[in-house]
Amino acid sequence: MDSCGFSIRGTIKNVEHKYIDEIFEKNDYLNEIYADDIEGAKEDLRVLEITPKEAAYLDHRTHPIFTRKFEF
């Protein structure tokens, strides 16, 4: 296998549309891909706040698989 992975465990909170305008202002790509209906996209998309508790990095290119765990 020639890939790497990253996993995060923690809590996710839906913050509704609190930051959606700021996210679109700071990320021009979103304005490009949703150019046909930016306001509709802003209504449909959800902003999630992720509070990580632990994470892991796995490198499948090595044998044995390299794993590094992190705690936040």
N, C-alpha and C. Protein backbone atom coordinates (compact mmCIF):
# COMPACT_ATOMS: atom_id res chain seq x y z
N MET A 1 0.83 -1.17 0.00
CA MET A 1 0.00 0.00 0.00
C MET A 1 0.88 1.24 0.00
N ASP A 2 0.45 2.28 -0.66
CA ASP A 2 1.27 3.49 -0.72
C ASP A 2 0.49 4.72 -0.28
N SER A 3 -0.11 4.63 0.89
CA SER A 3 -0.89 5.76 1.37
C SER A 3 -0.66 5.99 2.86
N CYS A 4 -1.10 7.15 3.30
CA CYS A 4 -1.04 7.52 4.71
C CYS A 4 -2.43 7.91 5.16
N GLY A 5 -2.67 7.83 6.45
CA GLY A 5 -3.97 8.20 6.96
C GLY A 5 -3.85 8.97 8.26
N PHE A 6 -4.91 9.68 8.56
CA PHE A 6 -4.95 10.48 9.77
C PHE A 6 -6.35 10.36 10.34
N SER A 7 -6.47 10.03 11.60
CA SER A 7 -7.79 9.94 12.22
C SER A 7 -7.84 10.85 13.44
N ILE A 8 -9.02 11.38 13.69
CA ILE A 8 -9.23 12.26 14.84
C ILE A 8 -10.43 11.74 15.62
N ARG A 9 -10.27 11.65 16.93
CA ARG A 9 -11.39 11.32 17.81
C ARG A 9 -11.61 12.51 18.73
N GLY A 10 -12.88 12.84 18.91
CA GLY A 10 -13.21 13.96 19.77
C GLY A 10 -14.69 14.26 19.70
N THR A 11 -15.03 15.50 19.90
CA THR A 11 -16.43 15.89 19.86
C THR A 11 -16.66 16.86 18.70
N ILE A 12 -17.86 16.81 18.16
CA ILE A 12 -18.25 17.69 17.06
C ILE A 12 -19.50 18.43 17.48
N LYS A 13 -19.48 19.73 17.25
CA LYS A 13 -20.63 20.56 17.59
C LYS A 13 -21.05 21.31 16.32
N ASN A 14 -22.33 21.22 15.99
CA ASN A 14 -22.86 21.96 14.85
C ASN A 14 -23.09 23.40 15.31
N VAL A 15 -22.32 24.33 14.77
CA VAL A 15 -22.46 25.73 15.15
C VAL A 15 -23.36 26.48 14.17
N GLU A 16 -24.19 25.71 13.46
CA GLU A 16 -25.17 26.26 12.51
C GLU A 16 -24.46 27.15 11.49
N HIS A 17 -24.93 28.35 11.31
CA HIS A 17 -24.38 29.23 10.26
C HIS A 17 -23.62 30.41 10.86
N LYS A 18 -23.18 30.25 12.08
CA LYS A 18 -22.52 31.33 12.81
C LYS A 18 -21.31 31.91 12.05
N TYR A 19 -20.53 31.06 11.41
CA TYR A 19 -19.30 31.49 10.74
C TYR A 19 -19.34 31.37 9.22
N ILE A 20 -20.49 31.06 8.66
CA ILE A 20 -20.54 30.74 7.22
C ILE A 20 -20.10 31.91 6.35
N ASP A 21 -20.50 33.14 6.68
CA ASP A 21 -20.08 34.29 5.87
C ASP A 21 -18.58 34.49 5.93
N GLU A 22 -18.01 34.35 7.12
CA GLU A 22 -16.56 34.50 7.29
C GLU A 22 -15.81 33.42 6.52
N ILE A 23 -16.33 32.20 6.53
CA ILE A 23 -15.69 31.11 5.81
C ILE A 23 -15.69 31.38 4.31
N PHE A 24 -16.81 31.86 3.78
CA PHE A 24 -16.86 32.17 2.35
C PHE A 24 -15.96 33.35 2.00
N GLU A 25 -15.85 34.33 2.89
CA GLU A 25 -14.97 35.48 2.65
C GLU A 25 -13.50 35.07 2.58
N LYS A 26 -13.11 34.10 3.42
CA LYS A 26 -11.71 33.70 3.50
C LYS A 26 -11.33 32.58 2.53
N ASN A 27 -12.32 31.97 1.88
CA ASN A 27 -12.04 30.84 0.98
C ASN A 27 -12.67 31.10 -0.38
N ASP A 28 -11.89 31.69 -1.28
CA ASP A 28 -12.39 32.02 -2.62
C ASP A 28 -12.88 30.80 -3.38
N TYR A 29 -12.30 29.66 -3.11
CA TYR A 29 -12.69 28.44 -3.82
C TYR A 29 -14.17 28.13 -3.61
N LEU A 30 -14.69 28.34 -2.42
CA LEU A 30 -16.12 28.10 -2.16
C LEU A 30 -16.98 28.99 -3.05
N ASN A 31 -16.56 30.23 -3.24
CA ASN A 31 -17.32 31.14 -4.10
C ASN A 31 -17.28 30.69 -5.56
N GLU A 32 -16.21 30.03 -5.95
CA GLU A 32 -16.11 29.51 -7.32
C GLU A 32 -17.02 28.30 -7.52
N ILE A 33 -16.95 27.34 -6.61
CA ILE A 33 -17.70 26.10 -6.84
C ILE A 33 -19.20 26.27 -6.59
N TYR A 34 -19.58 27.28 -5.82
CA TYR A 34 -21.00 27.53 -5.58
C TYR A 34 -21.47 28.81 -6.25
N ALA A 35 -20.77 29.25 -7.29
CA ALA A 35 -21.07 30.52 -7.95
C ALA A 35 -22.52 30.62 -8.44
N ASP A 36 -23.11 29.50 -8.85
CA ASP A 36 -24.48 29.52 -9.36
C ASP A 36 -25.51 29.84 -8.28
N ASP A 37 -25.22 29.53 -7.03
CA ASP A 37 -26.18 29.74 -5.95
C ASP A 37 -25.47 29.81 -4.60
N ILE A 38 -24.73 30.90 -4.39
CA ILE A 38 -23.96 31.05 -3.15
C ILE A 38 -24.88 31.08 -1.93
N GLU A 39 -25.97 31.82 -2.02
CA GLU A 39 -26.87 31.92 -0.86
C GLU A 39 -27.51 30.56 -0.55
N GLY A 40 -27.86 29.80 -1.57
CA GLY A 40 -28.40 28.46 -1.36
C GLY A 40 -27.38 27.55 -0.71
N ALA A 41 -26.13 27.66 -1.15
CA ALA A 41 -25.06 26.85 -0.57
C ALA A 41 -24.87 27.21 0.90
N LYS A 42 -24.91 28.50 1.21
CA LYS A 42 -24.74 28.93 2.59
C LYS A 42 -25.85 28.38 3.48
N GLU A 43 -27.04 28.22 2.94
CA GLU A 43 -28.15 27.65 3.70
C GLU A 43 -27.97 26.14 3.89
N ASP A 44 -27.47 25.46 2.86
CA ASP A 44 -27.35 24.00 2.89
C ASP A 44 -26.15 23.50 3.68
N LEU A 45 -25.04 24.22 3.63
CA LEU A 45 -23.82 23.78 4.29
C LEU A 45 -23.92 23.94 5.81
N ARG A 46 -23.20 23.11 6.52
CA ARG A 46 -23.15 23.17 7.98
C ARG A 46 -21.72 23.41 8.43
N VAL A 47 -21.58 24.26 9.42
CA VAL A 47 -20.27 24.54 10.00
C VAL A 47 -20.14 23.71 11.27
N LEU A 48 -19.08 22.93 11.34
CA LEU A 48 -18.85 22.05 12.48
C LEU A 48 -17.62 22.50 13.24
N GLU A 49 -17.73 22.51 14.55
CA GLU A 49 -16.60 22.81 15.42
C GLU A 49 -16.09 21.49 15.97
N ILE A 50 -14.85 21.18 15.68
CA ILE A 50 -14.26 19.91 16.10
C ILE A 50 -13.32 20.18 17.28
N THR A 51 -13.56 19.48 18.38
CA THR A 51 -12.66 19.55 19.53
C THR A 51 -11.96 18.20 19.63
N PRO A 52 -10.71 18.14 19.15
CA PRO A 52 -10.02 16.85 19.16
C PRO A 52 -9.60 16.43 20.56
N LYS A 53 -9.63 15.12 20.79
CA LYS A 53 -9.15 14.58 22.05
C LYS A 53 -7.93 13.70 21.82
N GLU A 54 -7.95 12.95 20.72
CA GLU A 54 -6.79 12.15 20.35
C GLU A 54 -6.78 11.98 18.83
N ALA A 55 -5.62 11.71 18.31
CA ALA A 55 -5.46 11.54 16.87
C ALA A 55 -4.39 10.49 16.61
N ALA A 56 -4.39 9.99 15.39
CA ALA A 56 -3.37 9.02 15.01
C ALA A 56 -2.98 9.23 13.55
N TYR A 57 -1.71 9.05 13.29
CA TYR A 57 -1.17 9.10 11.93
C TYR A 57 -0.69 7.70 11.59
N LEU A 58 -1.10 7.19 10.44
CA LEU A 58 -0.68 5.86 10.00
C LEU A 58 -0.03 5.96 8.63
N ASP A 59 1.15 5.38 8.51
CA ASP A 59 1.86 5.36 7.23
C ASP A 59 1.89 3.92 6.73
N HIS A 60 1.08 3.65 5.72
CA HIS A 60 0.97 2.29 5.17
C HIS A 60 2.10 1.97 4.19
N ARG A 61 2.99 2.92 3.96
CA ARG A 61 4.09 2.68 3.02
C ARG A 61 5.22 1.90 3.67
N THR A 62 5.21 1.80 4.99
CA THR A 62 6.28 1.10 5.69
C THR A 62 5.77 -0.24 6.22
N HIS A 63 6.71 -1.12 6.47
CA HIS A 63 6.35 -2.41 7.04
C HIS A 63 7.24 -2.64 8.25
N PRO A 64 6.73 -2.76 9.44
CA PRO A 64 5.31 -2.70 9.78
C PRO A 64 4.76 -1.28 9.62
N ILE A 65 3.46 -1.15 9.63
CA ILE A 65 2.82 0.15 9.46
C ILE A 65 3.26 1.07 10.60
N PHE A 66 3.73 2.26 10.22
CA PHE A 66 4.15 3.25 11.20
C PHE A 66 2.92 3.92 11.77
N THR A 67 2.83 3.99 13.10
CA THR A 67 1.70 4.64 13.75
C THR A 67 2.23 5.61 14.82
N ARG A 68 1.68 6.79 14.83
CA ARG A 68 2.02 7.78 15.86
C ARG A 68 0.71 8.29 16.42
N LYS A 69 0.55 8.21 17.73
CA LYS A 69 -0.68 8.68 18.37
C LYS A 69 -0.42 10.00 19.11
N PHE A 70 -1.44 10.84 19.12
CA PHE A 70 -1.36 12.15 19.76
C PHE A 70 -2.54 12.35 20.69
N GLU A 71 -2.34 13.05 21.76
CA GLU A 71 -3.44 13.46 22.63
C GLU A 71 -3.44 14.97 22.72
N PHE A 72 -4.62 15.54 22.75
CA PHE A 72 -4.75 17.00 22.82
C PHE A 72 -5.20 17.43 24.19
